Amino acid sequence: MNTTVSMLAEIPEVLHESLKSYLETHPDWDQDRVFAAALSLFLLQNGTGNTPEASRSYRRAAQVYLETLFRNSV
């Protein structure tokens, strides 16, 4: 099941400029793809697998991360 969560977040201006520059030079990527990759990587790096549910969440985050990285543009 795919659930969409809408986010509104303020980011530092320097990060915004960096993201804008990245997107201008990488046309296969968009803002949503960058955020999905960044958030899933953060969860992978900071998650624990101490319970069965945590392990499932970790695997799902890993799947999202890899799918996001290797997705081709449409």
PDB file of N, CA and C in Angstrom:
ATOM      1  N   MET A   1       0.839  -1.171   0.000  1.00  0.00           N
ATOM      2  CA  MET A   1       0.000   0.000   0.000  1.00  0.00           C
ATOM      3  C   MET A   1       0.890   1.242   0.000  1.00  0.00           C
ATOM      4  N   ASN A   2       0.640   2.155  -0.906  1.00  0.00           N
ATOM      5  CA  ASN A   2       1.373   3.416  -0.954  1.00  0.00           C
ATOM      6  C   ASN A   2       0.543   4.505  -0.302  1.00  0.00           C
ATOM      7  N   THR A   3       1.121   5.170   0.657  1.00  0.00           N
ATOM      8  CA  THR A   3       0.476   6.275   1.330  1.00  0.00           C
ATOM      9  C   THR A   3       1.272   7.532   1.050  1.00  0.00           C
ATOM     10  N   THR A   4       0.602   8.587   0.663  1.00  0.00           N
ATOM     11  CA  THR A   4       1.273   9.846   0.383  1.00  0.00           C
ATOM     12  C   THR A   4       1.141  10.759   1.575  1.00  0.00           C
ATOM     13  N   VAL A   5       2.247  11.344   1.987  1.00  0.00           N
ATOM     14  CA  VAL A   5       2.259  12.322   3.062  1.00  0.00           C
ATOM     15  C   VAL A   5       2.721  13.634   2.455  1.00  0.00           C
ATOM     16  N   SER A   6       1.909  14.644   2.574  1.00  0.00           N
ATOM     17  CA  SER A   6       2.276  15.953   2.049  1.00  0.00           C
ATOM     18  C   SER A   6       3.065  16.699   3.107  1.00  0.00           C
ATOM     19  N   MET A   7       4.196  17.295   2.687  1.00  0.00           N
ATOM     20  CA  MET A   7       5.047  17.996   3.646  1.00  0.00           C
ATOM     21  C   MET A   7       5.269  19.431   3.188  1.00  0.00           C
ATOM     22  N   LEU A   8       5.298  20.300   4.150  1.00  0.00           N
ATOM     23  CA  LEU A   8       5.698  21.677   3.923  1.00  0.00           C
ATOM     24  C   LEU A   8       6.805  21.939   4.922  1.00  0.00           C
ATOM     25  N   ALA A   9       8.012  22.202   4.430  1.00  0.00           N
ATOM     26  CA  ALA A   9       9.147  22.364   5.328  1.00  0.00           C
ATOM     27  C   ALA A   9      10.002  23.534   4.869  1.00  0.00           C
ATOM     28  N   GLU A  10      10.471  24.281   5.831  1.00  0.00           N
ATOM     29  CA  GLU A  10      11.409  25.341   5.531  1.00  0.00           C
ATOM     30  C   GLU A  10      12.811  24.758   5.637  1.00  0.00           C
ATOM     31  N   ILE A  11      13.638  25.083   4.639  1.00  0.00           N
ATOM     32  CA  ILE A  11      15.022  24.634   4.656  1.00  0.00           C
ATOM     33  C   ILE A  11      15.921  25.859   4.552  1.00  0.00           C
ATOM     34  N   PRO A  12      17.144  25.751   5.038  1.00  0.00           N
ATOM     35  CA  PRO A  12      18.053  26.892   4.941  1.00  0.00           C
ATOM     36  C   PRO A  12      18.245  27.315   3.478  1.00  0.00           C
ATOM     37  N   GLU A  13      18.438  28.603   3.272  1.00  0.00           N
ATOM     38  CA  GLU A  13      18.573  29.137   1.919  1.00  0.00           C
ATOM     39  C   GLU A  13      19.728  28.492   1.166  1.00  0.00           C
ATOM     40  N   VAL A  14      20.849  28.265   1.849  1.00  0.00           N
ATOM     41  CA  VAL A  14      21.995  27.657   1.184  1.00  0.00           C
ATOM     42  C   VAL A  14      21.659  26.244   0.696  1.00  0.00           C
ATOM     43  N   LEU A  15      20.847  25.502   1.451  1.00  0.00           N
ATOM     44  CA  LEU A  15      20.424  24.176   1.034  1.00  0.00           C
ATOM     45  C   LEU A  15      19.460  24.275  -0.146  1.00  0.00           C
ATOM     46  N   HIS A  16      18.586  25.251  -0.114  1.00  0.00           N
ATOM     47  CA  HIS A  16      17.656  25.478  -1.225  1.00  0.00           C
ATOM     48  C   HIS A  16      18.412  25.791  -2.507  1.00  0.00           C
ATOM     49  N   GLU A  17      19.415  26.647  -2.419  1.00  0.00           N
ATOM     50  CA  GLU A  17      20.211  27.003  -3.599  1.00  0.00           C
ATOM     51  C   GLU A  17      20.967  25.780  -4.121  1.00  0.00           C
ATOM     52  N   SER A  18      21.491  24.978  -3.226  1.00  0.00           N
ATOM     53  CA  SER A  18      22.199  23.771  -3.619  1.00  0.00           C
ATOM     54  C   SER A  18      21.257  22.794  -4.327  1.00  0.00           C
ATOM     55  N   LEU A  19      20.061  22.613  -3.784  1.00  0.00           N
ATOM     56  CA  LEU A  19      19.066  21.740  -4.397  1.00  0.00           C
ATOM     57  C   LEU A  19      18.668  22.261  -5.773  1.00  0.00           C
ATOM     58  N   LYS A  20      18.438  23.550  -5.865  1.00  0.00           N
ATOM     59  CA  LYS A  20      18.060  24.160  -7.137  1.00  0.00           C
ATOM     60  C   LYS A  20      19.147  23.946  -8.188  1.00  0.00           C
ATOM     61  N   SER A  21      20.395  24.144  -7.798  1.00  0.00           N
ATOM     62  CA  SER A  21      21.523  23.938  -8.705  1.00  0.00           C
ATOM     63  C   SER A  21      21.611  22.477  -9.144  1.00  0.00           C
ATOM     64  N   TYR A  22      21.422  21.564  -8.204  1.00  0.00           N
ATOM     65  CA  TYR A  22      21.471  20.139  -8.522  1.00  0.00           C
ATOM     66  C   TYR A  22      20.383  19.778  -9.534  1.00  0.00           C
ATOM     67  N   LEU A  23      19.169  20.246  -9.289  1.00  0.00           N
ATOM     68  CA  LEU A  23      18.055  19.915 -10.176  1.00  0.00           C
ATOM     69  C   LEU A  23      18.236  20.507 -11.568  1.00  0.00           C
ATOM     70  N   GLU A  24      18.872  21.667 -11.653  1.00  0.00           N
ATOM     71  CA  GLU A  24      19.125  22.281 -12.963  1.00  0.00           C
ATOM     72  C   GLU A  24      20.121  21.470 -13.786  1.00  0.00           C
ATOM     73  N   THR A  25      21.026  20.773 -13.133  1.00  0.00           N
ATOM     74  CA  THR A  25      22.050  20.010 -13.846  1.00  0.00           C
ATOM     75  C   THR A  25      21.742  18.518 -13.941  1.00  0.00           C
ATOM     76  N   HIS A  26      20.656  18.079 -13.315  1.00  0.00           N
ATOM     77  CA  HIS A  26      20.241  16.673 -13.361  1.00  0.00           C
ATOM     78  C   HIS A  26      18.763  16.591 -13.732  1.00  0.00           C
ATOM     79  N   PRO A  27      18.451  16.679 -15.027  1.00  0.00           N
ATOM     80  CA  PRO A  27      17.049  16.736 -15.449  1.00  0.00           C
ATOM     81  C   PRO A  27      16.240  15.477 -15.150  1.00  0.00           C
ATOM     82  N   ASP A  28      16.898  14.356 -14.868  1.00  0.00           N
ATOM     83  CA  ASP A  28      16.166  13.124 -14.537  1.00  0.00           C
ATOM     84  C   ASP A  28      15.619  13.135 -13.115  1.00  0.00           C
ATOM     85  N   TRP A  29      16.066  14.081 -12.324  1.00  0.00           N
ATOM     86  CA  TRP A  29      15.646  14.168 -10.931  1.00  0.00           C
ATOM     87  C   TRP A  29      14.661  15.314 -10.765  1.00  0.00           C
ATOM     88  N   ASP A  30      13.760  15.170  -9.790  1.00  0.00           N
ATOM     89  CA  ASP A  30      12.888  16.264  -9.389  1.00  0.00           C
ATOM     90  C   ASP A  30      12.930  16.378  -7.868  1.00  0.00           C
ATOM     91  N   GLN A  31      12.302  17.397  -7.350  1.00  0.00           N
ATOM     92  CA  GLN A  31      12.333  17.665  -5.914  1.00  0.00           C
ATOM     93  C   GLN A  31      11.821  16.479  -5.109  1.00  0.00           C
ATOM     94  N   ASP A  32      10.738  15.867  -5.558  1.00  0.00           N
ATOM     95  CA  ASP A  32      10.166  14.736  -4.817  1.00  0.00           C
ATOM     96  C   ASP A  32      11.129  13.553  -4.772  1.00  0.00           C
ATOM     97  N   ARG A  33      11.798  13.301  -5.882  1.00  0.00           N
ATOM     98  CA  ARG A  33      12.746  12.189  -5.925  1.00  0.00           C
ATOM     99  C   ARG A  33      13.921  12.449  -4.991  1.00  0.00           C
ATOM    100  N   VAL A  34      14.434  13.674  -4.966  1.00  0.00           N
ATOM    101  CA  VAL A  34      15.550  14.019  -4.073  1.00  0.00           C
ATOM    102  C   VAL A  34      15.137  13.841  -2.615  1.00  0.00           C
ATOM    103  N   PHE A  35      13.949  14.339  -2.256  1.00  0.00           N
ATOM    104  CA  PHE A  35      13.505  14.216  -0.873  1.00  0.00           C
ATOM    105  C   PHE A  35      13.264  12.767  -0.475  1.00  0.00           C
ATOM    106  N   ALA A  36      12.719  11.955  -1.383  1.00  0.00           N
ATOM    107  CA  ALA A  36      12.502  10.542  -1.076  1.00  0.00           C
ATOM    108  C   ALA A  36      13.836   9.836  -0.842  1.00  0.00           C
ATOM    109  N   ALA A  37      14.829  10.131  -1.686  1.00  0.00           N
ATOM    110  CA  ALA A  37      16.153   9.523  -1.514  1.00  0.00           C
ATOM    111  C   ALA A  37      16.797   9.975  -0.208  1.00  0.00           C
ATOM    112  N   ALA A  38      16.729  11.265   0.062  1.00  0.00           N
ATOM    113  CA  ALA A  38      17.360  11.797   1.272  1.00  0.00           C
ATOM    114  C   ALA A  38      16.701  11.265   2.541  1.00  0.00           C
ATOM    115  N   LEU A  39      15.381  11.251   2.565  1.00  0.00           N
ATOM    116  CA  LEU A  39      14.678  10.795   3.758  1.00  0.00           C
ATOM    117  C   LEU A  39      14.874   9.298   3.984  1.00  0.00           C
ATOM    118  N   SER A  40      14.801   8.514   2.923  1.00  0.00           N
ATOM    119  CA  SER A  40      14.996   7.074   3.094  1.00  0.00           C
ATOM    120  C   SER A  40      16.432   6.764   3.527  1.00  0.00           C
ATOM    121  N   LEU A  41      17.426   7.491   2.990  1.00  0.00           N
ATOM    122  CA  LEU A  41      18.800   7.284   3.432  1.00  0.00           C
ATOM    123  C   LEU A  41      18.964   7.659   4.903  1.00  0.00           C
ATOM    124  N   PHE A  42      18.356   8.764   5.318  1.00  0.00           N
ATOM    125  CA  PHE A  42      18.406   9.158   6.727  1.00  0.00           C
ATOM    126  C   PHE A  42      17.826   8.060   7.613  1.00  0.00           C
ATOM    127  N   LEU A  43      16.684   7.513   7.225  1.00  0.00           N
ATOM    128  CA  LEU A  43      16.056   6.456   8.021  1.00  0.00           C
ATOM    129  C   LEU A  43      16.913   5.198   8.055  1.00  0.00           C
ATOM    130  N   LEU A  44      17.564   4.878   6.950  1.00  0.00           N
ATOM    131  CA  LEU A  44      18.462   3.721   6.931  1.00  0.00           C
ATOM    132  C   LEU A  44      19.644   3.922   7.867  1.00  0.00           C
ATOM    133  N   GLN A  45      20.198   5.107   7.855  1.00  0.00           N
ATOM    134  CA  GLN A  45      21.372   5.379   8.673  1.00  0.00           C
ATOM    135  C   GLN A  45      21.050   5.499  10.157  1.00  0.00           C
ATOM    136  N   ASN A  46      19.815   5.860  10.487  1.00  0.00           N
ATOM    137  CA  ASN A  46      19.474   6.121  11.882  1.00  0.00           C
ATOM    138  C   ASN A  46      18.469   5.146  12.472  1.00  0.00           C
ATOM    139  N   GLY A  47      18.019   4.179  11.683  1.00  0.00           N
ATOM    140  CA  GLY A  47      17.046   3.220  12.186  1.00  0.00           C
ATOM    141  C   GLY A  47      17.712   2.060  12.905  1.00  0.00           C
ATOM    142  N   THR A  48      16.917   1.352  13.648  1.00  0.00           N
ATOM    143  CA  THR A  48      17.393   0.140  14.308  1.00  0.00           C
ATOM    144  C   THR A  48      16.452  -0.995  13.958  1.00  0.00           C
ATOM    145  N   GLY A  49      16.933  -2.180  14.035  1.00  0.00           N
ATOM    146  CA  GLY A  49      16.125  -3.355  13.731  1.00  0.00           C
ATOM    147  C   GLY A  49      15.879  -4.202  14.952  1.00  0.00           C
ATOM    148  N   ASN A  50      15.574  -3.578  16.076  1.00  0.00           N
ATOM    149  CA  ASN A  50      15.441  -4.303  17.337  1.00  0.00           C
ATOM    150  C   ASN A  50      14.145  -5.093  17.452  1.00  0.00           C
ATOM    151  N   THR A  51      13.165  -4.788  16.629  1.00  0.00           N
ATOM    152  CA  THR A  51      11.893  -5.508  16.674  1.00  0.00           C
ATOM    153  C   THR A  51      11.545  -5.965  15.260  1.00  0.00           C
ATOM    154  N   PRO A  52      10.638  -6.913  15.122  1.00  0.00           N
ATOM    155  CA  PRO A  52      10.230  -7.334  13.769  1.00  0.00           C
ATOM    156  C   PRO A  52       9.658  -6.170  12.951  1.00  0.00           C
ATOM    157  N   GLU A  53       8.867  -5.304  13.575  1.00  0.00           N
ATOM    158  CA  GLU A  53       8.301  -4.163  12.842  1.00  0.00           C
ATOM    159  C   GLU A  53       9.403  -3.197  12.413  1.00  0.00           C
ATOM    160  N   ALA A  54      10.387  -2.957  13.263  1.00  0.00           N
ATOM    161  CA  ALA A  54      11.505  -2.082  12.909  1.00  0.00           C
ATOM    162  C   ALA A  54      12.303  -2.676  11.753  1.00  0.00           C
ATOM    163  N   SER A  55      12.463  -3.978  11.752  1.00  0.00           N
ATOM    164  CA  SER A  55      13.169  -4.643  10.651  1.00  0.00           C
ATOM    165  C   SER A  55      12.414  -4.497   9.341  1.00  0.00           C
ATOM    166  N   ARG A  56      11.091  -4.638   9.396  1.00  0.00           N
ATOM    167  CA  ARG A  56      10.276  -4.457   8.188  1.00  0.00           C
ATOM    168  C   ARG A  56      10.365  -3.024   7.694  1.00  0.00           C
ATOM    169  N   SER A  57      10.310  -2.062   8.609  1.00  0.00           N
ATOM    170  CA  SER A  57      10.422  -0.657   8.230  1.00  0.00           C
ATOM    171  C   SER A  57      11.769  -0.374   7.599  1.00  0.00           C
ATOM    172  N   TYR A  58      12.822  -0.959   8.144  1.00  0.00           N
ATOM    173  CA  TYR A  58      14.165  -0.776   7.607  1.00  0.00           C
ATOM    174  C   TYR A  58      14.241  -1.313   6.179  1.00  0.00           C
ATOM    175  N   ARG A  59      13.685  -2.505   5.963  1.00  0.00           N
ATOM    176  CA  ARG A  59      13.698  -3.085   4.613  1.00  0.00           C
ATOM    177  C   ARG A  59      12.888  -2.244   3.640  1.00  0.00           C
ATOM    178  N   ARG A  60      11.748  -1.706   4.082  1.00  0.00           N
ATOM    179  CA  ARG A  60      10.938  -0.853   3.204  1.00  0.00           C
ATOM    180  C   ARG A  60      11.680   0.434   2.864  1.00  0.00           C
ATOM    181  N   ALA A  61      12.367   1.022   3.839  1.00  0.00           N
ATOM    182  CA  ALA A  61      13.151   2.234   3.579  1.00  0.00           C
ATOM    183  C   ALA A  61      14.277   1.929   2.590  1.00  0.00           C
ATOM    184  N   ALA A  62      14.907   0.778   2.743  1.00  0.00           N
ATOM    185  CA  ALA A  62      15.970   0.377   1.816  1.00  0.00           C
ATOM    186  C   ALA A  62      15.416   0.207   0.408  1.00  0.00           C
ATOM    187  N   GLN A  63      14.245  -0.385   0.299  1.00  0.00           N
ATOM    188  CA  GLN A  63      13.615  -0.577  -1.009  1.00  0.00           C
ATOM    189  C   GLN A  63      13.305   0.777  -1.656  1.00  0.00           C
ATOM    190  N   VAL A  64      12.735   1.699  -0.893  1.00  0.00           N
ATOM    191  CA  VAL A  64      12.431   3.033  -1.424  1.00  0.00           C
ATOM    192  C   VAL A  64      13.707   3.731  -1.878  1.00  0.00           C
ATOM    193  N   TYR A  65      14.747   3.643  -1.057  1.00  0.00           N
ATOM    194  CA  TYR A  65      16.016   4.283  -1.384  1.00  0.00           C
ATOM    195  C   TYR A  65      16.569   3.761  -2.710  1.00  0.00           C
ATOM    196  N   LEU A  66      16.631   2.445  -2.849  1.00  0.00           N
ATOM    197  CA  LEU A  66      17.188   1.866  -4.068  1.00  0.00           C
ATOM    198  C   LEU A  66      16.315   2.144  -5.287  1.00  0.00           C
ATOM    199  N   GLU A  67      15.008   2.039  -5.133  1.00  0.00           N
ATOM    200  CA  GLU A  67      14.111   2.345  -6.257  1.00  0.00           C
ATOM    201  C   GLU A  67      14.247   3.803  -6.674  1.00  0.00           C
ATOM    202  N   THR A  68      14.388   4.691  -5.716  1.00  0.00           N
ATOM    203  CA  THR A  68      14.524   6.110  -6.012  1.00  0.00           C
ATOM    204  C   THR A  68      15.818   6.389  -6.757  1.00  0.00           C
ATOM    205  N   LEU A  69      16.903   5.779  -6.312  1.00  0.00           N
ATOM    206  CA  LEU A  69      18.209   6.009  -6.954  1.00  0.00           C
ATOM    207  C   LEU A  69      18.246   5.497  -8.389  1.00  0.00           C
ATOM    208  N   PHE A  70      17.639   4.348  -8.626  1.00  0.00           N
ATOM    209  CA  PHE A  70      17.784   3.699  -9.920  1.00  0.00           C
ATOM    210  C   PHE A  70      16.580   3.864 -10.835  1.00  0.00           C
ATOM    211  N   ARG A  71      15.651   4.716 -10.462  1.00  0.00           N
ATOM    212  CA  ARG A  71      14.485   4.979 -11.295  1.00  0.00           C
ATOM    213  C   ARG A  71      14.922   5.748 -12.532  1.00  0.00           C
ATOM    214  N   ASN A  72      14.401   5.350 -13.658  1.00  0.00           N
ATOM    215  CA  ASN A  72      14.655   6.069 -14.908  1.00  0.00           C
ATOM    216  C   ASN A  72      13.623   7.172 -15.090  1.00  0.00           C
ATOM    217  N   SER A  73      14.003   8.211 -15.778  1.00  0.00           N
ATOM    218  CA  SER A  73      13.038   9.285 -16.050  1.00  0.00           C
ATOM    219  C   SER A  73      11.990   8.769 -17.022  1.00  0.00           C
ATOM    220  N   VAL A  74      10.809   9.340 -16.916  1.00  0.00           N
ATOM    221  CA  VAL A  74       9.692   8.908 -17.769  1.00  0.00           C
ATOM    222  C   VAL A  74       9.491   9.904 -18.867  1.00  0.00           C
TER     223      VAL A  74
END
